[in-house]
Structure formats: C-alpha cells, structure tokens
Amino acid sequence: MELDKIENILEKYFQGETTIAEENQLKEYFSSPNVAQHLEQYKPMFGYFSQVKQQKSKQEIPLQTKKRNVAWLSIAASVVVLLGIGTFYYVSQETTTPVVAQSELGTYDDPEEALAATQKALALLSNNVNVGIESVQYIEEYEQSKNKIFKQ
C-alpha cells in the first residue's frame, strides 16, 4: 500500500501537481534505506535536493546603490525645454511674412497693371475649369460604355 502511494505521488511530482507535503513525503521515502528496487533510480535526485538545501553560501555580495542626482536631471530638462521654446520662437519669426495693411489688398495704382493681374487670375481659373470639364467628359464616356455593357 505504501509503495502504491509513493508511486502515485511520484507520478504527480513529475506532472508538477504535488503539494509541498507530498514532496516532503517523497524526500523522506528516498532518504530512507528501504527504497524499492525499481525506484532506486530516483534516489540520487532527491538526495541531491536535500544536500543542496543544507549548503549555504559564505561569499558576501556587495550591494551597489545607485544614487541619481535629481538636481542635474531637472536642470538638464529645463535647458532642453528652454532650447525648444527658443528654437520655435526663432523659426516662427523667420517664416512669418510681413502683414500687409488691409487697405492695400487687391488695389493697383496703374490700370494696366491691374488688367494684367486680372487676366492672369482669370487664365488660371480658366485652365482649372477646362481640366474639370475634360474630367466630366471622361466620366460621361465611361457611363456610356458601362450602360452598353451592363444593360439596365
């Protein structure tokens, strides 16, 4: 009966399902002189566990504590933030165009210059409208082809 119990506990041990009490029973059994012949192969394993448990390390391990200097960290962060703000301000001042007075928008003193600017603006508008009309013609041609193929 005892042997069957030990074999069941040993099987559970290799499956990883034993409790600490059951493992202690296995250690006691394998440390005793009356171990079954077919279980002799496991005796060195449990003997090793008990032997290693008794060993103690006598070497001292020095612990090194890391002290961070928080003052330097905060100073570095402040410098980075200030550099970021300064760079943003410098770049934004260079890229902004001078503001034209509200009264100067769209006014010309010379009528010929005004006519040339108006013709230029209308030519740009005309080119964009023509591109749009060509696109609509392609869409109409596509619709006609689609209607020929897929009769509805």
Protein backbone atom coordinates (compact mmCIF):
# COMPACT_ATOMS: atom_id res chain seq x y z
CA MET A 1 0.00 0.00 0.00
CA GLU A 2 2.82 2.39 0.89
CA LEU A 3 4.60 1.63 -2.38
CA ASP A 4 1.47 2.39 -4.44
CA LYS A 5 1.05 5.67 -2.61
CA ILE A 6 4.69 6.66 -3.27
CA GLU A 7 4.38 5.73 -6.96
CA ASN A 8 1.22 7.88 -7.28
CA ILE A 9 2.92 10.81 -5.57
CA LEU A 10 6.00 10.34 -7.77
CA GLU A 11 3.82 10.40 -10.89
CA LYS A 12 2.11 13.56 -9.66
CA TYR A 13 5.56 15.03 -8.90
CA PHE A 14 6.71 14.60 -12.50
CA GLN A 15 3.45 16.13 -13.71
CA GLY A 16 4.06 19.14 -11.45
CA GLU A 17 0.89 18.62 -9.42
CA THR A 18 2.24 17.76 -5.96
CA THR A 19 1.91 19.77 -2.80
CA ILE A 20 4.81 20.60 -0.51
CA ALA A 21 3.67 17.96 1.98
CA GLU A 22 3.70 15.28 -0.74
CA GLU A 23 7.16 16.37 -1.86
CA ASN A 24 8.36 16.09 1.74
CA GLN A 25 6.97 12.55 1.86
CA LEU A 26 8.97 11.73 -1.29
CA LYS A 27 12.16 13.18 0.22
CA GLU A 28 11.67 11.18 3.41
CA TYR A 29 10.99 7.99 1.47
CA PHE A 30 14.04 8.33 -0.78
CA SER A 31 16.31 9.23 2.14
CA SER A 32 15.32 6.03 3.97
CA PRO A 33 17.30 2.80 3.34
CA ASN A 34 14.27 0.73 2.25
CA VAL A 35 13.61 2.10 -1.26
CA ALA A 36 12.00 -0.24 -3.79
CA GLN A 37 14.35 -1.66 -6.42
CA HIS A 38 12.54 -0.11 -9.42
CA LEU A 39 12.56 3.33 -7.72
CA GLU A 40 16.30 3.34 -6.92
CA GLN A 41 16.99 5.49 -9.97
CA TYR A 42 15.21 8.48 -8.35
CA LYS A 43 17.11 8.25 -5.06
CA PRO A 44 20.13 10.40 -6.16
CA MET A 45 17.79 13.15 -7.37
CA PHE A 46 16.02 13.55 -4.03
CA GLY A 47 19.29 13.07 -2.16
CA TYR A 48 20.78 15.92 -4.18
CA PHE A 49 17.88 18.22 -3.28
CA SER A 50 18.38 17.63 0.44
CA GLN A 51 22.16 18.02 0.10
CA VAL A 52 21.87 21.31 -1.76
CA LYS A 53 19.34 22.58 0.76
CA GLN A 54 21.94 22.25 3.52
CA GLN A 55 24.61 24.20 1.62
CA LYS A 56 25.00 27.85 2.48
CA SER A 57 26.95 30.44 0.58
CA LYS A 58 29.56 32.25 2.62
CA GLN A 59 30.51 34.77 -0.03
CA GLU A 60 29.39 38.31 0.60
CA ILE A 61 27.71 40.05 -2.28
CA PRO A 62 28.34 43.78 -2.27
CA LEU A 63 25.23 45.77 -3.00
CA GLN A 64 25.79 48.91 -5.00
CA THR A 65 23.15 51.51 -4.58
CA LYS A 66 22.65 53.91 -7.43
CA LYS A 67 22.10 57.47 -6.40
CA ARG A 68 20.84 59.72 -9.10
CA ASN A 69 21.47 63.35 -8.79
CA VAL A 70 17.96 64.72 -9.28
CA ALA A 71 19.19 68.30 -9.36
CA TRP A 72 21.22 67.72 -12.53
CA LEU A 73 18.33 65.91 -14.13
CA SER A 74 15.95 68.79 -13.52
CA ILE A 75 18.49 71.32 -14.77
CA ALA A 76 19.02 69.34 -17.98
CA ALA A 77 15.27 69.07 -18.53
CA SER A 78 14.90 72.84 -18.05
CA VAL A 79 17.65 73.55 -20.58
CA VAL A 80 16.01 71.25 -23.14
CA VAL A 81 12.64 72.94 -22.69
CA LEU A 82 14.15 76.42 -22.99
CA LEU A 83 16.06 75.44 -26.14
CA GLY A 84 12.85 74.05 -27.64
CA ILE A 85 10.90 77.21 -26.91
CA GLY A 86 13.71 79.42 -28.22
CA THR A 87 14.03 77.41 -31.42
CA PHE A 88 10.28 77.51 -32.01
CA TYR A 89 10.19 81.28 -31.48
CA TYR A 90 13.21 81.84 -33.77
CA VAL A 91 11.83 79.68 -36.58
CA SER A 92 8.34 81.15 -36.34
CA GLN A 93 9.74 84.72 -36.59
CA GLU A 94 11.70 83.85 -39.75
CA THR A 95 8.86 82.12 -41.58
CA THR A 96 6.13 84.68 -40.99
CA THR A 97 5.59 87.07 -43.87
CA PRO A 98 5.09 90.73 -43.14
CA VAL A 99 1.46 91.64 -42.69
CA VAL A 100 0.05 93.81 -45.47
CA ALA A 101 -2.29 96.54 -44.41
CA GLN A 102 -5.95 95.80 -45.02
CA SER A 103 -6.33 98.79 -47.33
CA GLU A 104 -3.57 97.59 -49.69
CA LEU A 105 -5.16 94.23 -50.56
CA GLY A 106 -6.23 94.00 -54.21
CA THR A 107 -5.61 97.60 -55.16
CA TYR A 108 -3.44 98.83 -58.03
CA ASP A 109 -2.44 102.37 -58.88
CA ASP A 110 -1.73 101.59 -62.55
CA PRO A 111 -4.80 100.39 -64.55
CA GLU A 112 -2.65 98.36 -66.97
CA GLU A 113 -1.03 96.50 -64.09
CA ALA A 114 -4.49 95.77 -62.65
CA LEU A 115 -5.66 94.48 -66.07
CA ALA A 116 -2.62 92.18 -66.36
CA ALA A 117 -3.16 90.78 -62.84
CA THR A 118 -6.85 90.23 -63.56
CA GLN A 119 -6.09 88.44 -66.86
CA LYS A 120 -3.55 86.25 -65.12
CA ALA A 121 -6.05 85.27 -62.41
CA LEU A 122 -8.78 84.56 -64.98
CA ALA A 123 -6.38 82.45 -67.08
CA LEU A 124 -5.56 80.29 -64.04
CA LEU A 125 -9.27 79.92 -63.32
CA SER A 126 -9.99 79.06 -66.95
CA ASN A 127 -7.29 76.34 -67.03
CA ASN A 128 -8.69 74.73 -63.89
CA VAL A 129 -12.26 74.84 -65.23
CA ASN A 130 -11.12 73.27 -68.52
CA VAL A 131 -9.44 70.43 -66.64
CA GLY A 132 -12.68 69.88 -64.75
CA ILE A 133 -14.71 69.81 -67.99
CA GLU A 134 -12.34 67.24 -69.51
CA SER A 135 -12.78 65.07 -66.44
CA VAL A 136 -16.55 65.27 -66.77
CA GLN A 137 -16.28 64.19 -70.43
CA TYR A 138 -14.28 61.12 -69.37
CA ILE A 139 -16.94 60.29 -66.80
CA GLU A 140 -19.73 60.63 -69.41
CA GLU A 141 -17.83 58.33 -71.80
CA TYR A 142 -17.37 55.81 -69.00
CA GLU A 143 -21.09 55.94 -68.19
CA GLN A 144 -22.00 55.30 -71.84
CA SER A 145 -19.61 52.33 -72.04
CA LYS A 146 -20.93 50.95 -68.79
CA ASN A 147 -24.51 51.25 -69.96
CA LYS A 148 -23.66 49.39 -73.21
CA ILE A 149 -22.03 46.54 -71.31
CA PHE A 150 -24.47 46.34 -68.40
CA LYS A 151 -27.87 46.95 -69.87
CA GLN A 152 -30.29 48.03 -67.21
